[in-house]
Amino acid sequence: TPVPDDQEHALEEFLFGPKDGLFVEEGEGAEAQDRSRDELLAQEAADEEESARRAEAGEAVWHDDDDEKIVVDISGKNVRRKLRATEDETTVSGKEYAERLRKQLGQVNKEVSWATRKKHKKTDAGDELLKSSKKLLGSKTGPLPSRALDIERLKDANVKDVSDAVIQSCRFHPSNNLMLTAGLDKRLKLFQVDGKDNAKVQGVFFEDLPITTAEFTSTGEEIFVSGRRPHFYVYDLAAAALTRVRGIQGRHERDLSRMCLSPDNRHVAFLGEGGNIALVSRQSRQWIGDLRMNQDAYCAAFGPDGHTLYSAGQGGLMYHWDLRMHRCVRKVMDEGSLSTTSLALSATGSVLAAGSNSGVVNLYDPAGFDGLAPGSAGEIAPTPRKALMNLSTRVSLLKFNPDAQILVMGSQLKKGALRVVHVGSGTVFSNWPTSKAPLNYVSSADISSSSSALAMGNDRGKYFCIGSSTTRDAPGEPLNVPLAVF
C-alpha cells in the first residue's frame, strides 16, 4: 500500500529536518540560501576589518555590551575603595570599573612590557627572499674584517669523556657535527658536538697503538689511525668495523705517525725516514709508489686537486710533486728557514703556508711560482707575500678555513702559543686569544667545514672550541666566532 504524501513529508522532516534548513530544492529556496550565505561571509569580513582597525588603534578587539549594564560597588572593600574618584562615590559601571583598574595597574607597574603590542613593519618577506640569491641559513659571506673576533666560549667537546693524555688529533667530520679526538692513551673517541650536551657517540681502544694521527677521509666514511708503529688502522664509521693494516708492503717503515690524506680520496702519504714518502692507495691500502727528498721529511700537504703534493723538512727546501708522474716539478726555498716543520695549503690552492723551527710562518702564492727562474741549484726562491713572526718556537700546526680567509697557527712547545690570522691583510686578530684563554699547550687544531667553529686540543686532554653565531652584513663589522676548547 503506497504511503500518503503527508506521512512521507513528515517522515522526511523527522529524519532530515525541514526543507528550508539543510536541504533546499532548486528555485527560490536555493537562491535565498545563497543570499544568506553571502550576507554571512560579508558580515564576517566586516567583523575582521573592524577587529583589525581596533587592534591598530589600540582599542579592545572584543566589546561586551553587558559591561554598561553592570554596576560595581566600590565603597565596600579596601581594594575597590582605592578606585574612587571622590569619597562620596559608591558605584560605577562595569566599563568604568575596567578602565580604572587598567589605569591603576599602569601607575603601579609603570610599563608592562608583556602587555604592550609590538608594531611590526609590514614587509613581504617571502617575496624578498625569493628575489634574493643569499643563503637561507646565516653563513659568513664576503670578505672578513681584519680587526677583531667576537668570540663565545662553548662547552668542551669531550666534556663527557676527557682524555687521559695529550690530544694528538682533533678533527671535524667533513659534512656533519661529528668530531673525533685521539691521543697516546690509545683511544679514539667520537662526539656529537652541539655546543650544549656534546654527547659521546663511540669510543675505540687500540691495544697496540698509541695514536699520534687520526684523519677522516674526504667523504667522511672512514677514519685512518696511525702512530709510531709499523702498522695502521682503518675504522669504518657506517659498519663500526676496525681493520688492521700490517704496514706497507715492500717497505720496512717502523714509524707511520706522520700521515696525510688526499682530498680526492685516492692517496695516503706516509712520511718515512731519510726523506722517503710512501704513497698508499686509500681504497686497497696497498703501496703504489715512492717519493724521495734529499733531506728528512717533516711535513706534507696535498693540493685541492689531489694529484699535487708539497713536502718539506730539513734545510728549508719545499718539494712540489706531481703524483700523476711521481715526479718533483720544482723545489722552492722557504725564505729564512733552516728547517720547515709545518705546511698547509688552502682548499682553493691559492695560498701556501710554511712554518719553520724558529716560529716564522711565510705565506706564498703558488700561482706565482711558474714565472720564476730556478737558481744554480735548481730551486726557485720566491718572496713570501707575508712573513708572520708572532710565534717564537717551532711551528707545529697550520690550518686554513675552507675559503682561506683564516689561518690558525700554533706551537706545541710554548703555553698559549696559538694565533688566528686574517689571511687577506696578513695580520693577527688582536683580541683573541687573551692571556686568560685556557689554551695551555695546544697540540692540535681544526676548523669546521662551514667555518663556524674552531677546535683546539691541548696537553690536558681537553678540546676547546669557538664558532660563529651571527651573520655579518656590513663590511667592517667584527666577525662573531664562538670558540670552544676540547
Foldseek 3Di string as FASTA:
>chain_A
DDDDPVVVQVVCCVVPNDCLPDHDDPDPSVVVVVVVVVVVVVVVVVLVVQLVVCVVVVHDSDDDPCQQVAKDFQLPDPVSVVLDPDNPDTIDGSVSSVVSVVVVVCVVVVDDVVPDDDDDDDDDVVVVVVVDPDDPDFFEDDAAAFAAAAAAWFAFLVPVPFDPFFFLEWEAQQPAQKIWTAFQQQKIWIWRDDRHCRHTDDMDGDPPFGWNDWDAALVRQWIWTFFQAQKTWIAGPVVRDIDIGRHEPPDDFGGQRAWDAFNVQFWIWGFGPQQKIWIAGNVPRYTDDIAGDNGGWQEKEYALVRQWMWIFFAQQKIFIAGNVVSDTPAIEHDPPARTWHYWYAANNRQWIWTWHQQGKIFIAGVVVPVPFDADPVGHGYDDGPDIDRQDGGGKHDWAAARVRQWIWTAAQPDFPGIFIARVVVRHTHDPPDDPPPRCGRWNYWYAHNSNFKIWTIGGRSIIFMWGFDGHDDDPPDHTHIYMGGD
